[in-house]
C-alpha atoms as a PDB file:
ATOM      1  CA  UNK A   1      73.685  85.475  13.608  1.00  0.00           C
ATOM      2  CA  UNK A   2      73.498  85.687  17.405  1.00  0.00           C
ATOM      3  CA  UNK A   3      77.129  84.612  17.587  1.00  0.00           C
ATOM      4  CA  UNK A   4      78.035  87.476  15.273  1.00  0.00           C
ATOM      5  CA  UNK A   5      76.115  89.966  17.402  1.00  0.00           C
ATOM      6  CA  UNK A   6      77.771  89.083  20.723  1.00  0.00           C
ATOM      7  CA  UNK A   7      81.280  88.836  19.235  1.00  0.00           C
ATOM      8  CA  UNK A   8      81.050  92.179  17.428  1.00  0.00           C
ATOM      9  CA  UNK A   9      81.246  90.685  13.926  1.00  0.00           C
ATOM     10  CA  UNK A  10      79.839  93.398  11.671  1.00  0.00           C
ATOM     11  CA  UNK A  11      80.809  91.529   8.473  1.00  0.00           C
ATOM     12  CA  UNK A  12      78.299  88.713   9.016  1.00  0.00           C
ATOM     13  CA  UNK A  13      75.508  88.842   6.388  1.00  0.00           C
ATOM     14  CA  UNK A  14      72.348  90.431   7.704  1.00  0.00           C
ATOM     15  CA  UNK A  15      73.872  91.740  10.928  1.00  0.00           C
ATOM     16  CA  UNK A  16      73.353  95.463  11.408  1.00  0.00           C
ATOM     17  CA  UNK A  17      74.007  95.947  15.118  1.00  0.00           C
ATOM     18  CA  UNK A  18      76.566  94.203  17.325  1.00  0.00           C
ATOM     19  CA  UNK A  19      77.780  94.286  20.911  1.00  0.00           C
ATOM     20  CA  UNK A  20      80.351  97.054  21.236  1.00  0.00           C
ATOM     21  CA  UNK A  21      81.613  96.595  24.810  1.00  0.00           C
ATOM     22  CA  UNK A  22      85.190  96.983  26.099  1.00  0.00           C
ATOM     23  CA  UNK A  23      87.559  95.407  28.610  1.00  0.00           C
ATOM     24  CA  UNK A  24      86.294  97.876  31.232  1.00  0.00           C
ATOM     25  CA  UNK A  25      82.659  96.720  31.042  1.00  0.00           C
ATOM     26  CA  UNK A  26      80.517  94.243  32.884  1.00  0.00           C
ATOM     27  CA  UNK A  27      78.331  92.332  30.444  1.00  0.00           C
ATOM     28  CA  UNK A  28      75.018  90.637  31.289  1.00  0.00           C
ATOM     29  CA  UNK A  29      73.455  88.099  28.909  1.00  0.00           C
ATOM     30  CA  UNK A  30      70.085  86.357  29.342  1.00  0.00           C
ATOM     31  CA  UNK A  31      68.857  83.567  27.064  1.00  0.00           C
ATOM     32  CA  UNK A  32      65.399  81.975  27.312  1.00  0.00           C
ATOM     33  CA  UNK A  33      64.119  79.329  24.888  1.00  0.00           C
ATOM     34  CA  UNK A  34      64.197  75.580  24.275  1.00  0.00           C
ATOM     35  CA  UNK A  35      67.238  73.423  24.850  1.00  0.00           C
ATOM     36  CA  UNK A  36      68.573  69.936  24.171  1.00  0.00           C
ATOM     37  CA  UNK A  37      71.671  68.264  25.658  1.00  0.00           C
ATOM     38  CA  UNK A  38      74.518  70.718  24.951  1.00  0.00           C
ATOM     39  CA  UNK A  39      72.477  72.853  22.601  1.00  0.00           C
ATOM     40  CA  UNK A  40      70.035  75.803  22.417  1.00  0.00           C
ATOM     41  CA  UNK A  41      67.262  76.288  19.902  1.00  0.00           C
ATOM     42  CA  UNK A  42      66.339  79.450  18.038  1.00  0.00           C
ATOM     43  CA  UNK A  43      62.969  79.890  16.399  1.00  0.00           C
ATOM     44  CA  UNK A  44      62.929  79.626  12.591  1.00  0.00           C
ATOM     45  CA  UNK A  45      64.158  82.750  10.783  1.00  0.00           C
ATOM     46  CA  UNK A  46      61.496  84.815   9.066  1.00  0.00           C
ATOM     47  CA  UNK A  47      60.281  83.074   5.904  1.00  0.00           C
ATOM     48  CA  UNK A  48      61.632  79.630   6.830  1.00  0.00           C
ATOM     49  CA  UNK A  49      60.235  76.610   8.650  1.00  0.00           C
ATOM     50  CA  UNK A  50      63.462  75.268  10.115  1.00  0.00           C
ATOM     51  CA  UNK A  51      64.696  75.919  13.626  1.00  0.00           C
ATOM     52  CA  UNK A  52      68.318  76.847  14.165  1.00  0.00           C
ATOM     53  CA  UNK A  53      70.559  75.362  16.799  1.00  0.00           C
ATOM     54  CA  UNK A  54      73.457  76.777  18.807  1.00  0.00           C
ATOM     55  CA  UNK A  55      75.539  73.919  20.137  1.00  0.00           C
ATOM     56  CA  UNK A  56      78.206  73.895  22.829  1.00  0.00           C
ATOM     57  CA  UNK A  57      81.247  74.047  20.475  1.00  0.00           C
ATOM     58  CA  UNK A  58      79.777  77.191  18.895  1.00  0.00           C
ATOM     59  CA  UNK A  59      79.017  78.713  22.291  1.00  0.00           C
ATOM     60  CA  UNK A  60      82.533  77.911  23.543  1.00  0.00           C
ATOM     61  CA  UNK A  61      83.989  79.549  20.429  1.00  0.00           C
ATOM     62  CA  UNK A  62      81.848  82.650  20.916  1.00  0.00           C
ATOM     63  CA  UNK A  63      82.837  83.111  24.541  1.00  0.00           C
ATOM     64  CA  UNK A  64      86.524  82.577  23.745  1.00  0.00           C
ATOM     65  CA  UNK A  65      86.268  85.177  20.975  1.00  0.00           C
ATOM     66  CA  UNK A  66      84.745  87.685  23.394  1.00  0.00           C
ATOM     67  CA  UNK A  67      87.488  86.903  25.915  1.00  0.00           C
ATOM     68  CA  UNK A  68      90.293  87.203  23.359  1.00  0.00           C
ATOM     69  CA  UNK A  69      88.884  90.479  22.004  1.00  0.00           C
ATOM     70  CA  UNK A  70      88.621  91.859  25.554  1.00  0.00           C
ATOM     71  CA  UNK A  71      84.915  92.586  25.191  1.00  0.00           C
ATOM     72  CA  UNK A  72      84.261  92.453  28.924  1.00  0.00           C
ATOM     73  CA  UNK A  73      85.874  92.721  32.332  1.00  0.00           C
ATOM     74  CA  UNK A  74      83.404  90.307  33.890  1.00  0.00           C
ATOM     75  CA  UNK A  75      80.326  88.668  32.448  1.00  0.00           C
ATOM     76  CA  UNK A  76      77.319  86.825  33.815  1.00  0.00           C
ATOM     77  CA  UNK A  77      75.080  84.594  31.692  1.00  0.00           C
ATOM     78  CA  UNK A  78      71.639  83.339  32.699  1.00  0.00           C
ATOM     79  CA  UNK A  79      70.083  80.574  30.616  1.00  0.00           C
ATOM     80  CA  UNK A  80      66.537  79.238  30.799  1.00  0.00           C
ATOM     81  CA  UNK A  81      66.501  76.001  28.789  1.00  0.00           C
ATOM     82  CA  UNK A  82      66.338  72.261  29.297  1.00  0.00           C
ATOM     83  CA  UNK A  83      69.723  70.554  29.853  1.00  0.00           C
ATOM     84  CA  UNK A  84      71.364  73.997  29.939  1.00  0.00           C
ATOM     85  CA  UNK A  85      74.005  73.016  32.515  1.00  0.00           C
ATOM     86  CA  UNK A  86      75.743  70.987  29.820  1.00  0.00           C
ATOM     87  CA  UNK A  87      76.738  74.229  28.074  1.00  0.00           C
ATOM     88  CA  UNK A  88      78.953  75.485  30.891  1.00  0.00           C
ATOM     89  CA  UNK A  89      80.089  72.402  32.817  1.00  0.00           C
ATOM     90  CA  UNK A  90      83.737  73.005  31.862  1.00  0.00           C
ATOM     91  CA  UNK A  91      83.662  76.836  31.827  1.00  0.00           C
ATOM     92  CA  UNK A  92      87.128  78.030  32.849  1.00  0.00           C
ATOM     93  CA  UNK A  93      86.927  80.423  35.843  1.00  0.00           C
ATOM     94  CA  UNK A  94      89.886  82.328  34.386  1.00  0.00           C
ATOM     95  CA  UNK A  95      87.566  83.623  31.648  1.00  0.00           C
ATOM     96  CA  UNK A  96      85.817  85.725  34.300  1.00  0.00           C
ATOM     97  CA  UNK A  97      82.342  84.447  33.451  1.00  0.00           C
ATOM     98  CA  UNK A  98      79.729  83.236  35.891  1.00  0.00           C
ATOM     99  CA  UNK A  99      76.740  81.341  34.485  1.00  0.00           C
ATOM    100  CA  UNK A 100      73.475  80.378  36.178  1.00  0.00           C
ATOM    101  CA  UNK A 101      71.323  77.856  34.350  1.00  0.00           C
ATOM    102  CA  UNK A 102      67.751  76.744  34.968  1.00  0.00           C
ATOM    103  CA  UNK A 103      68.751  73.087  34.744  1.00  0.00           C
ATOM    104  CA  UNK A 104      71.716  70.800  35.142  1.00  0.00           C
ATOM    105  CA  UNK A 105      73.211  68.716  32.302  1.00  0.00           C
ATOM    106  CA  UNK A 106      70.456  66.101  32.120  1.00  0.00           C
ATOM    107  CA  UNK A 107      67.195  67.577  33.402  1.00  0.00           C
ATOM    108  CA  UNK A 108      64.477  69.708  31.773  1.00  0.00           C
ATOM    109  CA  UNK A 109      63.424  73.149  32.991  1.00  0.00           C
ATOM    110  CA  UNK A 110      59.793  73.653  33.976  1.00  0.00           C
ATOM    111  CA  UNK A 111      57.086  75.940  32.693  1.00  0.00           C
ATOM    112  CA  UNK A 112      54.660  77.750  34.971  1.00  0.00           C
ATOM    113  CA  UNK A 113      51.124  79.100  34.658  1.00  0.00           C
ATOM    114  CA  UNK A 114      50.236  76.126  32.487  1.00  0.00           C
ATOM    115  CA  UNK A 115      46.896  74.680  31.414  1.00  0.00           C
ATOM    116  CA  UNK A 116      44.976  74.118  34.638  1.00  0.00           C
ATOM    117  CA  UNK A 117      46.555  77.262  36.107  1.00  0.00           C
ATOM    118  CA  UNK A 118      45.607  79.439  33.132  1.00  0.00           C
ATOM    119  CA  UNK A 119      42.075  79.926  31.899  1.00  0.00           C
ATOM    120  CA  UNK A 120      40.697  82.230  29.229  1.00  0.00           C
ATOM    121  CA  UNK A 121      37.845  84.588  30.197  1.00  0.00           C
ATOM    122  CA  UNK A 122      35.275  82.078  28.926  1.00  0.00           C
ATOM    123  CA  UNK A 123      36.690  79.343  31.178  1.00  0.00           C
ATOM    124  CA  UNK A 124      38.564  77.531  28.419  1.00  0.00           C
ATOM    125  CA  UNK A 125      41.892  76.062  29.477  1.00  0.00           C
ATOM    126  CA  UNK A 126      44.783  77.982  27.900  1.00  0.00           C
ATOM    127  CA  UNK A 127      46.852  75.334  26.055  1.00  0.00           C
ATOM    128  CA  UNK A 128      50.284  76.847  26.748  1.00  0.00           C
ATOM    129  CA  UNK A 129      52.566  77.748  29.631  1.00  0.00           C
ATOM    130  CA  UNK A 130      52.733  81.516  30.099  1.00  0.00           C
ATOM    131  CA  UNK A 131      56.137  81.543  31.757  1.00  0.00           C
ATOM    132  CA  UNK A 132      59.158  79.569  32.908  1.00  0.00           C
ATOM    133  CA  UNK A 133      59.653  78.889  36.616  1.00  0.00           C
ATOM    134  CA  UNK A 134      63.323  79.927  36.603  1.00  0.00           C
ATOM    135  CA  UNK A 135      62.737  83.150  34.670  1.00  0.00           C
ATOM    136  CA  UNK A 136      59.716  84.136  36.739  1.00  0.00           C
ATOM    137  CA  UNK A 137      61.691  83.677  39.971  1.00  0.00           C
ATOM    138  CA  UNK A 138      64.663  85.639  38.597  1.00  0.00           C
ATOM    139  CA  UNK A 139      62.455  88.571  37.611  1.00  0.00           C
ATOM    140  CA  UNK A 140      60.387  88.491  40.801  1.00  0.00           C
ATOM    141  CA  UNK A 141      63.520  88.632  42.963  1.00  0.00           C
ATOM    142  CA  UNK A 142      65.004  91.525  41.007  1.00  0.00           C
ATOM    143  CA  UNK A 143      61.727  93.470  41.104  1.00  0.00           C
ATOM    144  CA  UNK A 144      61.292  92.819  44.828  1.00  0.00           C
ATOM    145  CA  UNK A 145      64.435  94.838  45.535  1.00  0.00           C
ATOM    146  CA  UNK A 146      63.387  97.667  43.215  1.00  0.00           C
ATOM    147  CA  UNK A 147      66.912  98.815  42.432  1.00  0.00           C
ATOM    148  CA  UNK A 148      68.276  98.442  45.970  1.00  0.00           C
ATOM    149  CA  UNK A 149      71.625  96.619  46.249  1.00  0.00           C
ATOM    150  CA  UNK A 150      71.079  92.877  45.911  1.00  0.00           C
ATOM    151  CA  UNK A 151      74.040  90.522  46.209  1.00  0.00           C
ATOM    152  CA  UNK A 152      74.260  88.017  43.361  1.00  0.00           C
ATOM    153  CA  UNK A 153      74.941  85.321  45.949  1.00  0.00           C
ATOM    154  CA  UNK A 154      71.670  86.068  47.744  1.00  0.00           C
ATOM    155  CA  UNK A 155      69.834  86.326  44.422  1.00  0.00           C
ATOM    156  CA  UNK A 156      71.246  82.939  43.403  1.00  0.00           C
ATOM    157  CA  UNK A 157      70.182  81.269  46.668  1.00  0.00           C
ATOM    158  CA  UNK A 158      66.667  82.686  46.389  1.00  0.00           C
ATOM    159  CA  UNK A 159      66.235  81.509  42.803  1.00  0.00           C
ATOM    160  CA  UNK A 160      67.585  78.046  43.686  1.00  0.00           C
ATOM    161  CA  UNK A 161      65.205  77.676  46.645  1.00  0.00           C
ATOM    162  CA  UNK A 162      62.121  79.003  44.888  1.00  0.00           C
ATOM    163  CA  UNK A 163      62.738  76.922  41.783  1.00  0.00           C
ATOM    164  CA  UNK A 164      63.657  73.640  43.501  1.00  0.00           C
ATOM    165  CA  UNK A 165      61.463  70.565  43.554  1.00  0.00           C
ATOM    166  CA  UNK A 166      59.281  70.300  46.683  1.00  0.00           C
ATOM    167  CA  UNK A 167      56.621  67.885  47.888  1.00  0.00           C
ATOM    168  CA  UNK A 168      54.020  70.179  46.296  1.00  0.00           C
ATOM    169  CA  UNK A 169      55.552  70.757  42.879  1.00  0.00           C
ATOM    170  CA  UNK A 170      58.107  69.659  40.321  1.00  0.00           C
ATOM    171  CA  UNK A 171      60.952  72.137  39.982  1.00  0.00           C
ATOM    172  CA  UNK A 172      64.299  72.769  38.319  1.00  0.00           C
ATOM    173  CA  UNK A 173      67.890  71.916  39.195  1.00  0.00           C
ATOM    174  CA  UNK A 174      69.237  75.470  39.039  1.00  0.00           C
ATOM    175  CA  UNK A 175      73.015  75.273  38.652  1.00  0.00           C
ATOM    176  CA  UNK A 176      76.087  77.506  38.981  1.00  0.00           C
ATOM    177  CA  UNK A 177      79.115  77.431  36.664  1.00  0.00           C
ATOM    178  CA  UNK A 178      82.386  79.211  36.000  1.00  0.00           C
ATOM    179  CA  UNK A 179      83.855  81.929  38.205  1.00  0.00           C
ATOM    180  CA  UNK A 180      81.784  81.818  41.388  1.00  0.00           C
ATOM    181  CA  UNK A 181      83.854  84.651  42.906  1.00  0.00           C
ATOM    182  CA  UNK A 182      81.761  86.928  40.689  1.00  0.00           C
ATOM    183  CA  UNK A 183      78.575  85.470  42.186  1.00  0.00           C
ATOM    184  CA  UNK A 184      79.929  85.811  45.720  1.00  0.00           C
ATOM    185  CA  UNK A 185      81.339  89.350  45.511  1.00  0.00           C
ATOM    186  CA  UNK A 186      79.145  91.443  43.207  1.00  0.00           C
ATOM    187  CA  UNK A 187      75.575  92.673  43.043  1.00  0.00           C
ATOM    188  CA  UNK A 188      72.809  92.447  40.483  1.00  0.00           C
ATOM    189  CA  UNK A 189      73.129  96.138  39.747  1.00  0.00           C
ATOM    190  CA  UNK A 190      76.821  95.714  38.866  1.00  0.00           C
ATOM    191  CA  UNK A 191      75.678  93.882  35.724  1.00  0.00           C
ATOM    192  CA  UNK A 192      72.037  94.664  35.000  1.00  0.00           C
ATOM    193  CA  UNK A 193      72.490  98.433  34.851  1.00  0.00           C
ATOM    194  CA  UNK A 194      69.518  98.998  37.132  1.00  0.00           C
ATOM    195  CA  UNK A 195      68.731 102.601  37.993  1.00  0.00           C
ATOM    196  CA  UNK A 196      67.716 103.328  41.573  1.00  0.00           C
ATOM    197  CA  UNK A 197      64.324 104.928  42.054  1.00  0.00           C
ATOM    198  CA  UNK A 198      64.953 106.178  45.588  1.00  0.00           C
ATOM    199  CA  UNK A 199      66.622 109.633  45.643  1.00  0.00           C
ATOM    200  CA  UNK A 200      68.805 108.690  48.617  1.00  0.00           C
ATOM    201  CA  UNK A 201      70.110 105.456  47.142  1.00  0.00           C
ATOM    202  CA  UNK A 202      73.723 105.051  46.048  1.00  0.00           C
ATOM    203  CA  UNK A 203      75.532 102.607  43.791  1.00  0.00           C
ATOM    204  CA  UNK A 204      77.349  99.703  45.430  1.00  0.00           C
ATOM    205  CA  UNK A 205      80.671 100.360  43.700  1.00  0.00           C
ATOM    206  CA  UNK A 206      80.342 104.096  43.143  1.00  0.00           C
ATOM    207  CA  UNK A 207      80.012 104.026  39.371  1.00  0.00           C
ATOM    208  CA  UNK A 208      78.002 102.272  36.699  1.00  0.00           C
ATOM    209  CA  UNK A 209      80.270 100.103  34.570  1.00  0.00           C
ATOM    210  CA  UNK A 210      77.574  97.560  33.789  1.00  0.00           C
ATOM    211  CA  UNK A 211      76.425  96.830  30.267  1.00  0.00           C
ATOM    212  CA  UNK A 212      72.753  96.596  29.564  1.00  0.00           C
ATOM    213  CA  UNK A 213      72.996  94.353  26.487  1.00  0.00           C
ATOM    214  CA  UNK A 214      71.362  96.830  24.121  1.00  0.00           C
ATOM    215  CA  UNK A 215      73.154  99.858  25.543  1.00  0.00           C
ATOM    216  CA  UNK A 216      76.391  98.803  23.856  1.00  0.00           C
ATOM    217  CA  UNK A 217      74.975  97.470  20.598  1.00  0.00           C
ATOM    218  CA  UNK A 218      75.767  99.793  17.710  1.00  0.00           C
END
């Protein structure tokens, strides 16, 4: 179903809203869940007990469909999942997609605020991780700039450094794939559709051609 949504396939059973972007748009996609080598896992659909998988051949097909249908001018994809680098290791830069993944092809991604770090009010250890290290660092960096221009390249470096393994903690192997000219020459706001809060602020490129994912779903 997710493949149908991002490729604009309104004929897929059960799909009511799809991405409706054009060749003039910047598209931003963020995916956060479990992963296996060359695959992503979706939680079981309502009323079922079986998880669904989205493997690399399906992802490749989806991205090629979006490219062929001219559903974007440029696209960035962020993925929080174990082994997520495997999904984009051969991503053709000519497709105008840049992907940042929480892990490389073989390593897991790490949770944060887990067990000993998270206690319930009565002192009981909370048995789950409340966040993912990569995702937390992505969000913290975006929020720290509060809508001010933030180069994707600087954002990338910050997330890599704050998520990396150090002598004090186990971290992730954050990785970069595809068209790195997008990473090196554009800003977060060019894709995230962030609105400035400061009255005096101005947009980096003069106009907002970014696609907040749900803005163009119809």
